[in-house]
PDB file of N, CA and C in Angstrom:
ATOM      1  N   UNK A   1       0.823  -1.173   0.000  1.00  0.00           N
ATOM      2  CA  UNK A   1       0.000   0.000   0.000  1.00  0.00           C
ATOM      3  C   UNK A   1       0.883   1.258   0.000  1.00  0.00           C
ATOM      4  N   UNK A   2       1.934   1.250   0.810  1.00  0.00           N
ATOM      5  CA  UNK A   2       2.799   2.433   0.888  1.00  0.00           C
ATOM      6  C   UNK A   2       3.508   2.695  -0.438  1.00  0.00           C
ATOM      7  N   UNK A   3       3.951   1.634  -1.110  1.00  0.00           N
ATOM      8  CA  UNK A   3       4.622   1.806  -2.406  1.00  0.00           C
ATOM      9  C   UNK A   3       3.697   2.483  -3.414  1.00  0.00           C
ATOM     10  N   UNK A   4       2.448   2.062  -3.448  1.00  0.00           N
ATOM     11  CA  UNK A   4       1.510   2.639  -4.410  1.00  0.00           C
ATOM     12  C   UNK A   4       1.223   4.108  -4.120  1.00  0.00           C
ATOM     13  N   UNK A   5       1.447   4.530  -2.877  1.00  0.00           N
ATOM     14  CA  UNK A   5       1.239   5.928  -2.499  1.00  0.00           C
ATOM     15  C   UNK A   5       2.515   6.764  -2.649  1.00  0.00           C
ATOM     16  N   UNK A   6       3.595   6.118  -3.113  1.00  0.00           N
ATOM     17  CA  UNK A   6       4.831   6.850  -3.360  1.00  0.00           C
ATOM     18  C   UNK A   6       5.835   6.815  -2.234  1.00  0.00           C
ATOM     19  N   UNK A   7       5.569   6.066  -1.187  1.00  0.00           N
ATOM     20  CA  UNK A   7       6.525   5.927  -0.073  1.00  0.00           C
ATOM     21  C   UNK A   7       7.438   4.738  -0.371  1.00  0.00           C
ATOM     22  N   UNK A   8       8.538   5.022  -1.029  1.00  0.00           N
ATOM     23  CA  UNK A   8       9.420   3.952  -1.493  1.00  0.00           C
ATOM     24  C   UNK A   8      10.544   3.628  -0.522  1.00  0.00           C
ATOM     25  N   UNK A   9      10.511   4.195   0.658  1.00  0.00           N
ATOM     26  CA  UNK A   9      11.583   3.950   1.623  1.00  0.00           C
ATOM     27  C   UNK A   9      11.685   2.456   1.958  1.00  0.00           C
ATOM     28  N   UNK A  10      10.592   1.737   1.823  1.00  0.00           N
ATOM     29  CA  UNK A  10      10.584   0.296   2.090  1.00  0.00           C
ATOM     30  C   UNK A  10      11.450  -0.504   1.134  1.00  0.00           C
ATOM     31  N   UNK A  11      11.859   0.096   0.027  1.00  0.00           N
ATOM     32  CA  UNK A  11      12.784  -0.581  -0.890  1.00  0.00           C
ATOM     33  C   UNK A  11      14.194  -0.615  -0.316  1.00  0.00           C
ATOM     34  N   UNK A  12      14.479   0.321   0.571  1.00  0.00           N
ATOM     35  CA  UNK A  12      15.832   0.454   1.112  1.00  0.00           C
ATOM     36  C   UNK A  12      15.919   0.097   2.584  1.00  0.00           C
ATOM     37  N   UNK A  13      14.839   0.255   3.303  1.00  0.00           N
ATOM     38  CA  UNK A  13      14.778  -0.036   4.733  1.00  0.00           C
ATOM     39  C   UNK A  13      13.638  -1.023   4.963  1.00  0.00           C
ATOM     40  N   UNK A  14      13.929  -2.088   5.678  1.00  0.00           N
ATOM     41  CA  UNK A  14      12.904  -3.099   5.937  1.00  0.00           C
ATOM     42  C   UNK A  14      11.915  -2.595   6.989  1.00  0.00           C
ATOM     43  N   UNK A  15      10.697  -2.330   6.548  1.00  0.00           N
ATOM     44  CA  UNK A  15       9.664  -1.888   7.479  1.00  0.00           C
ATOM     45  C   UNK A  15       9.292  -3.014   8.436  1.00  0.00           C
ATOM     46  N   UNK A  16       9.322  -4.232   7.946  1.00  0.00           N
ATOM     47  CA  UNK A  16       9.029  -5.388   8.799  1.00  0.00           C
ATOM     48  C   UNK A  16      10.044  -5.495   9.931  1.00  0.00           C
ATOM     49  N   UNK A  17      11.312  -5.237   9.600  1.00  0.00           N
ATOM     50  CA  UNK A  17      12.371  -5.291  10.631  1.00  0.00           C
ATOM     51  C   UNK A  17      12.138  -4.214  11.679  1.00  0.00           C
ATOM     52  N   UNK A  18      11.768  -3.014  11.242  1.00  0.00           N
ATOM     53  CA  UNK A  18      11.512  -1.936  12.196  1.00  0.00           C
ATOM     54  C   UNK A  18      10.369  -2.297  13.141  1.00  0.00           C
ATOM     55  N   UNK A  19       9.319  -2.879  12.600  1.00  0.00           N
ATOM     56  CA  UNK A  19       8.187  -3.287  13.433  1.00  0.00           C
ATOM     57  C   UNK A  19       8.647  -4.322  14.445  1.00  0.00           C
ATOM     58  N   UNK A  20       9.426  -5.294  13.982  1.00  0.00           N
ATOM     59  CA  UNK A  20       9.912  -6.351  14.872  1.00  0.00           C
ATOM     60  C   UNK A  20      10.863  -5.801  15.932  1.00  0.00           C
ATOM     61  N   UNK A  21      11.782  -4.937  15.530  1.00  0.00           N
ATOM     62  CA  UNK A  21      12.758  -4.366  16.474  1.00  0.00           C
ATOM     63  C   UNK A  21      12.093  -3.514  17.544  1.00  0.00           C
ATOM     64  N   UNK A  22      11.045  -2.808  17.176  1.00  0.00           N
ATOM     65  CA  UNK A  22      10.369  -1.926  18.126  1.00  0.00           C
ATOM     66  C   UNK A  22       9.408  -2.691  19.029  1.00  0.00           C
ATOM     67  N   UNK A  23       9.273  -3.972  18.769  1.00  0.00           N
ATOM     68  CA  UNK A  23       8.380  -4.825  19.558  1.00  0.00           C
ATOM     69  C   UNK A  23       6.946  -4.294  19.558  1.00  0.00           C
ATOM     70  N   UNK A  24       6.550  -3.794  18.413  1.00  0.00           N
ATOM     71  CA  UNK A  24       5.207  -3.245  18.269  1.00  0.00           C
ATOM     72  C   UNK A  24       4.253  -4.387  17.946  1.00  0.00           C
ATOM     73  N   UNK A  25       3.172  -4.457  18.674  1.00  0.00           N
ATOM     74  CA  UNK A  25       2.178  -5.505  18.460  1.00  0.00           C
ATOM     75  C   UNK A  25       1.112  -4.992  17.492  1.00  0.00           C
ATOM     76  N   UNK A  26       1.325  -5.290  16.213  1.00  0.00           N
ATOM     77  CA  UNK A  26       0.414  -4.803  15.171  1.00  0.00           C
ATOM     78  C   UNK A  26      -1.004  -5.328  15.389  1.00  0.00           C
ATOM     79  N   UNK A  27      -1.126  -6.535  15.921  1.00  0.00           N
ATOM     80  CA  UNK A  27      -2.450  -7.099  16.171  1.00  0.00           C
ATOM     81  C   UNK A  27      -3.211  -6.238  17.167  1.00  0.00           C
ATOM     82  N   UNK A  28      -2.514  -5.808  18.212  1.00  0.00           N
ATOM     83  CA  UNK A  28      -3.151  -4.963  19.239  1.00  0.00           C
ATOM     84  C   UNK A  28      -3.538  -3.609  18.643  1.00  0.00           C
ATOM     85  N   UNK A  29      -2.707  -3.044  17.807  1.00  0.00           N
ATOM     86  CA  UNK A  29      -3.009  -1.751  17.189  1.00  0.00           C
ATOM     87  C   UNK A  29      -4.232  -1.858  16.284  1.00  0.00           C
ATOM     88  N   UNK A  30      -4.292  -2.925  15.504  1.00  0.00           N
ATOM     89  CA  UNK A  30      -5.460  -3.129  14.635  1.00  0.00           C
ATOM     90  C   UNK A  30      -6.723  -3.337  15.466  1.00  0.00           C
ATOM     91  N   UNK A  31      -6.566  -4.036  16.575  1.00  0.00           N
ATOM     92  CA  UNK A  31      -7.703  -4.258  17.467  1.00  0.00           C
ATOM     93  C   UNK A  31      -8.209  -2.934  18.040  1.00  0.00           C
ATOM     94  N   UNK A  32      -7.283  -2.092  18.488  1.00  0.00           N
ATOM     95  CA  UNK A  32      -7.666  -0.787  19.030  1.00  0.00           C
ATOM     96  C   UNK A  32      -8.366   0.070  17.980  1.00  0.00           C
ATOM     97  N   UNK A  33      -7.880   0.010  16.749  1.00  0.00           N
ATOM     98  CA  UNK A  33      -8.443   0.835  15.681  1.00  0.00           C
ATOM     99  C   UNK A  33      -9.802   0.348  15.205  1.00  0.00           C
ATOM    100  N   UNK A  34     -10.064  -0.931  15.356  1.00  0.00           N
ATOM    101  CA  UNK A  34     -11.309  -1.468  14.798  1.00  0.00           C
ATOM    102  C   UNK A  34     -12.388  -1.739  15.855  1.00  0.00           C
ATOM    103  N   UNK A  35     -12.118  -1.402  17.115  1.00  0.00           N
ATOM    104  CA  UNK A  35     -13.127  -1.579  18.150  1.00  0.00           C
ATOM    105  C   UNK A  35     -14.360  -0.743  17.793  1.00  0.00           C
ATOM    106  N   UNK A  36     -15.503  -1.335  17.885  1.00  0.00           N
ATOM    107  CA  UNK A  36     -16.800  -0.692  17.569  1.00  0.00           C
ATOM    108  C   UNK A  36     -16.911  -0.297  16.097  1.00  0.00           C
ATOM    109  N   UNK A  37     -16.207  -1.016  15.232  1.00  0.00           N
ATOM    110  CA  UNK A  37     -16.250  -0.734  13.797  1.00  0.00           C
ATOM    111  C   UNK A  37     -17.668  -0.887  13.248  1.00  0.00           C
ATOM    112  N   UNK A  38     -18.364  -1.923  13.722  1.00  0.00           N
ATOM    113  CA  UNK A  38     -19.730  -2.177  13.257  1.00  0.00           C
ATOM    114  C   UNK A  38     -20.675  -1.025  13.591  1.00  0.00           C
ATOM    115  N   UNK A  39     -20.381  -0.315  14.659  1.00  0.00           N
ATOM    116  CA  UNK A  39     -21.243   0.779  15.093  1.00  0.00           C
ATOM    117  C   UNK A  39     -20.795   2.130  14.539  1.00  0.00           C
ATOM    118  N   UNK A  40     -19.695   2.115  13.779  1.00  0.00           N
ATOM    119  CA  UNK A  40     -19.191   3.363  13.224  1.00  0.00           C
ATOM    120  C   UNK A  40     -18.488   4.234  14.249  1.00  0.00           C
ATOM    121  N   UNK A  41     -18.083   3.632  15.365  1.00  0.00           N
ATOM    122  CA  UNK A  41     -17.430   4.393  16.437  1.00  0.00           C
ATOM    123  C   UNK A  41     -15.949   4.039  16.569  1.00  0.00           C
ATOM    124  N   UNK A  42     -15.401   3.428  15.542  1.00  0.00           N
ATOM    125  CA  UNK A  42     -14.003   3.000  15.614  1.00  0.00           C
ATOM    126  C   UNK A  42     -13.071   4.213  15.594  1.00  0.00           C
ATOM    127  N   UNK A  43     -11.849   3.987  16.030  1.00  0.00           N
ATOM    128  CA  UNK A  43     -10.854   5.055  16.103  1.00  0.00           C
ATOM    129  C   UNK A  43      -9.659   4.664  15.230  1.00  0.00           C
ATOM    130  N   UNK A  44      -9.500   5.281  14.066  1.00  0.00           N
ATOM    131  CA  UNK A  44      -8.396   4.904  13.183  1.00  0.00           C
ATOM    132  C   UNK A  44      -7.030   5.420  13.657  1.00  0.00           C
ATOM    133  N   UNK A  45      -6.996   6.307  14.651  1.00  0.00           N
ATOM    134  CA  UNK A  45      -5.747   6.962  15.035  1.00  0.00           C
ATOM    135  C   UNK A  45      -4.658   6.038  15.561  1.00  0.00           C
ATOM    136  N   UNK A  46      -4.965   4.982  16.311  1.00  0.00           N
ATOM    137  CA  UNK A  46      -3.863   4.089  16.711  1.00  0.00           C
ATOM    138  C   UNK A  46      -3.119   3.521  15.491  1.00  0.00           C
ATOM    139  N   UNK A  47      -3.862   3.133  14.460  1.00  0.00           N
ATOM    140  CA  UNK A  47      -3.229   2.594  13.256  1.00  0.00           C
ATOM    141  C   UNK A  47      -2.493   3.681  12.482  1.00  0.00           C
ATOM    142  N   UNK A  48      -3.117   4.845  12.342  1.00  0.00           N
ATOM    143  CA  UNK A  48      -2.472   5.952  11.626  1.00  0.00           C
ATOM    144  C   UNK A  48      -1.174   6.347  12.324  1.00  0.00           C
ATOM    145  N   UNK A  49      -1.215   6.477  13.636  1.00  0.00           N
ATOM    146  CA  UNK A  49      -0.002   6.817  14.389  1.00  0.00           C
ATOM    147  C   UNK A  49       1.075   5.755  14.245  1.00  0.00           C
ATOM    148  N   UNK A  50       0.662   4.505  14.230  1.00  0.00           N
ATOM    149  CA  UNK A  50       1.600   3.402  14.050  1.00  0.00           C
ATOM    150  C   UNK A  50       2.307   3.497  12.700  1.00  0.00           C
ATOM    151  N   UNK A  51       1.545   3.712  11.642  1.00  0.00           N
ATOM    152  CA  UNK A  51       2.122   3.811  10.294  1.00  0.00           C
ATOM    153  C   UNK A  51       3.070   5.005  10.212  1.00  0.00           C
ATOM    154  N   UNK A  52       2.654   6.135  10.756  1.00  0.00           N
ATOM    155  CA  UNK A  52       3.506   7.323  10.731  1.00  0.00           C
ATOM    156  C   UNK A  52       4.791   7.123  11.526  1.00  0.00           C
ATOM    157  N   UNK A  53       4.697   6.450  12.652  1.00  0.00           N
ATOM    158  CA  UNK A  53       5.886   6.162  13.471  1.00  0.00           C
ATOM    159  C   UNK A  53       6.874   5.283  12.708  1.00  0.00           C
ATOM    160  N   UNK A  54       6.384   4.261  12.063  1.00  0.00           N
ATOM    161  CA  UNK A  54       7.252   3.359  11.299  1.00  0.00           C
ATOM    162  C   UNK A  54       7.876   4.103  10.125  1.00  0.00           C
ATOM    163  N   UNK A  55       7.093   4.907   9.423  1.00  0.00           N
ATOM    164  CA  UNK A  55       7.634   5.687   8.305  1.00  0.00           C
ATOM    165  C   UNK A  55       8.706   6.664   8.776  1.00  0.00           C
ATOM    166  N   UNK A  56       8.452   7.340   9.863  1.00  0.00           N
ATOM    167  CA  UNK A  56       9.432   8.288  10.415  1.00  0.00           C
ATOM    168  C   UNK A  56      10.725   7.559  10.773  1.00  0.00           C
ATOM    169  N   UNK A  57      10.614   6.414  11.407  1.00  0.00           N
ATOM    170  CA  UNK A  57      11.790   5.624  11.769  1.00  0.00           C
ATOM    171  C   UNK A  57      12.558   5.175  10.530  1.00  0.00           C
ATOM    172  N   UNK A  58      11.830   4.759   9.506  1.00  0.00           N
ATOM    173  CA  UNK A  58      12.461   4.288   8.268  1.00  0.00           C
ATOM    174  C   UNK A  58      13.206   5.425   7.571  1.00  0.00           C
ATOM    175  N   UNK A  59      12.569   6.585   7.481  1.00  0.00           N
ATOM    176  CA  UNK A  59      13.220   7.719   6.821  1.00  0.00           C
ATOM    177  C   UNK A  59      14.438   8.208   7.608  1.00  0.00           C
ATOM    178  N   UNK A  60      14.366   8.166   8.938  1.00  0.00           N
ATOM    179  CA  UNK A  60      15.532   8.539   9.748  1.00  0.00           C
ATOM    180  C   UNK A  60      16.692   7.584   9.479  1.00  0.00           C
ATOM    181  N   UNK A  61      16.397   6.284   9.443  1.00  0.00           N
ATOM    182  CA  UNK A  61      17.440   5.298   9.177  1.00  0.00           C
ATOM    183  C   UNK A  61      18.010   5.474   7.771  1.00  0.00           C
ATOM    184  N   UNK A  62      17.142   5.723   6.811  1.00  0.00           N
ATOM    185  CA  UNK A  62      17.601   5.934   5.439  1.00  0.00           C
ATOM    186  C   UNK A  62      18.512   7.151   5.359  1.00  0.00           C
ATOM    187  N   UNK A  63      18.110   8.233   6.011  1.00  0.00           N
ATOM    188  CA  UNK A  63      18.914   9.454   6.019  1.00  0.00           C
ATOM    189  C   UNK A  63      20.287   9.203   6.634  1.00  0.00           C
ATOM    190  N   UNK A  64      20.323   8.417   7.693  1.00  0.00           N
ATOM    191  CA  UNK A  64      21.590   8.081   8.335  1.00  0.00           C
ATOM    192  C   UNK A  64      22.472   7.252   7.397  1.00  0.00           C
ATOM    193  N   UNK A  65      21.881   6.290   6.729  1.00  0.00           N
ATOM    194  CA  UNK A  65      22.651   5.466   5.797  1.00  0.00           C
ATOM    195  C   UNK A  65      23.217   6.281   4.644  1.00  0.00           C
ATOM    196  N   UNK A  66      22.416   7.189   4.104  1.00  0.00           N
ATOM    197  CA  UNK A  66      22.892   8.037   3.011  1.00  0.00           C
ATOM    198  C   UNK A  66      24.020   8.921   3.507  1.00  0.00           C
ATOM    199  N   UNK A  67      23.871   9.479   4.699  1.00  0.00           N
ATOM    200  CA  UNK A  67      24.926  10.306   5.280  1.00  0.00           C
ATOM    201  C   UNK A  67      26.200   9.521   5.473  1.00  0.00           C
ATOM    202  N   UNK A  68      26.085   8.305   5.980  1.00  0.00           N
ATOM    203  CA  UNK A  68      27.256   7.443   6.165  1.00  0.00           C
ATOM    204  C   UNK A  68      27.906   7.128   4.825  1.00  0.00           C
ATOM    205  N   UNK A  69      27.089   6.872   3.802  1.00  0.00           N
ATOM    206  CA  UNK A  69      27.609   6.559   2.479  1.00  0.00           C
ATOM    207  C   UNK A  69      28.369   7.750   1.908  1.00  0.00           C
ATOM    208  N   UNK A  70      27.790   8.948   2.040  1.00  0.00           N
ATOM    209  CA  UNK A  70      28.452  10.144   1.512  1.00  0.00           C
ATOM    210  C   UNK A  70      29.765  10.398   2.233  1.00  0.00           C
ATOM    211  N   UNK A  71      29.783  10.152   3.534  1.00  0.00           N
ATOM    212  CA  UNK A  71      31.024  10.331   4.308  1.00  0.00           C
ATOM    213  C   UNK A  71      32.094   9.354   3.818  1.00  0.00           C
ATOM    214  N   UNK A  72      31.726   8.104   3.646  1.00  0.00           N
ATOM    215  CA  UNK A  72      32.684   7.100   3.150  1.00  0.00           C
ATOM    216  C   UNK A  72      33.138   7.426   1.736  1.00  0.00           C
ATOM    217  N   UNK A  73      32.228   7.935   0.931  1.00  0.00           N
ATOM    218  CA  UNK A  73      32.564   8.304  -0.441  1.00  0.00           C
ATOM    219  C   UNK A  73      33.608   9.426  -0.441  1.00  0.00           C
ATOM    220  N   UNK A  74      33.432  10.424   0.422  1.00  0.00           N
ATOM    221  CA  UNK A  74      34.422  11.512   0.521  1.00  0.00           C
ATOM    222  C   UNK A  74      35.766  10.989   0.997  1.00  0.00           C
ATOM    223  N   UNK A  75      35.755  10.096   1.983  1.00  0.00           N
ATOM    224  CA  UNK A  75      36.994   9.522   2.501  1.00  0.00           C
ATOM    225  C   UNK A  75      37.722   8.734   1.414  1.00  0.00           C
ATOM    226  N   UNK A  76      36.982   7.941   0.663  1.00  0.00           N
ATOM    227  CA  UNK A  76      37.596   7.166  -0.413  1.00  0.00           C
ATOM    228  C   UNK A  76      38.153   8.071  -1.510  1.00  0.00           C
ATOM    229  N   UNK A  77      37.440   9.136  -1.801  1.00  0.00           N
ATOM    230  CA  UNK A  77      37.918  10.092  -2.801  1.00  0.00           C
ATOM    231  C   UNK A  77      39.253  10.704  -2.354  1.00  0.00           C
ATOM    232  N   UNK A  78      39.361  11.068  -1.081  1.00  0.00           N
ATOM    233  CA  UNK A  78      40.612  11.636  -0.562  1.00  0.00           C
ATOM    234  C   UNK A  78      41.756  10.629  -0.626  1.00  0.00           C
ATOM    235  N   UNK A  79      41.476   9.394  -0.279  1.00  0.00           N
ATOM    236  CA  UNK A  79      42.497   8.339  -0.349  1.00  0.00           C
ATOM    237  C   UNK A  79      42.963   8.166  -1.787  1.00  0.00           C
ATOM    238  N   UNK A  80      42.020   8.135  -2.710  1.00  0.00           N
ATOM    239  CA  UNK A  80      42.360   7.973  -4.121  1.00  0.00           C
ATOM    240  C   UNK A  80      43.192   9.154  -4.625  1.00  0.00           C
ATOM    241  N   UNK A  81      42.809  10.368  -4.255  1.00  0.00           N
ATOM    242  CA  UNK A  81      43.572  11.547  -4.677  1.00  0.00           C
ATOM    243  C   UNK A  81      44.996  11.522  -4.111  1.00  0.00           C
ATOM    244  N   UNK A  82      45.141  11.130  -2.856  1.00  0.00           N
ATOM    245  CA  UNK A  82      46.487  11.019  -2.272  1.00  0.00           C
ATOM    246  C   UNK A  82      47.311   9.973  -3.006  1.00  0.00           C
ATOM    247  N   UNK A  83      46.682   8.849  -3.291  1.00  0.00           N
ATOM    248  CA  UNK A  83      47.376   7.760  -3.983  1.00  0.00           C
ATOM    249  C   UNK A  83      47.810   8.215  -5.379  1.00  0.00           C
ATOM    250  N   UNK A  84      46.909   8.894  -6.084  1.00  0.00           N
ATOM    251  CA  UNK A  84      47.239   9.370  -7.430  1.00  0.00           C
ATOM    252  C   UNK A  84      48.351  10.417  -7.390  1.00  0.00           C
ATOM    253  N   UNK A  85      48.329  11.280  -6.400  1.00  0.00           N
ATOM    254  CA  UNK A  85      49.377  12.306  -6.327  1.00  0.00           C
ATOM    255  C   UNK A  85      50.738  11.672  -6.017  1.00  0.00           C
ATOM    256  N   UNK A  86      50.762  10.596  -5.258  1.00  0.00           N
ATOM    257  CA  UNK A  86      52.022   9.912  -4.964  1.00  0.00           C
ATOM    258  C   UNK A  86      52.558   9.162  -6.182  1.00  0.00           C
ATOM    259  N   UNK A  87      51.682   8.643  -6.974  1.00  0.00           N
ATOM    260  CA  UNK A  87      52.101   7.913  -8.183  1.00  0.00           C
ATOM    261  C   UNK A  87      52.744   8.862  -9.187  1.00  0.00           C
ATOM    262  N   UNK A  88      52.239  10.062  -9.268  1.00  0.00           N
ATOM    263  CA  UNK A  88      52.691  11.030 -10.280  1.00  0.00           C
ATOM    264  C   UNK A  88      53.865  11.883  -9.799  1.00  0.00           C
ATOM    265  N   UNK A  89      54.487  11.521  -8.715  1.00  0.00           N
ATOM    266  CA  UNK A  89      55.651  12.274  -8.233  1.00  0.00           C
ATOM    267  C   UNK A  89      56.891  11.817  -8.916  1.00  0.00           C
TER     268      UNK A  89
END
């Protein structure tokens, strides 16, 4: 569902892993959201908050990974430049 809405972070960060690591009981959240569903008195907010929390966690992790990658990329570039300058001496 998230992919079809344009939230592609799940391609890079496992949303299932985040749910498992956070020890979130999805069954309980769905139960809270669907209580009194037949009467039209259900509360979708526990589920909405759950989805938003997982998305926020995923995007934070993705941002950290990209930052780490860029840092390593800069470090490797410096090593390569030093190596090239030593070869051409």
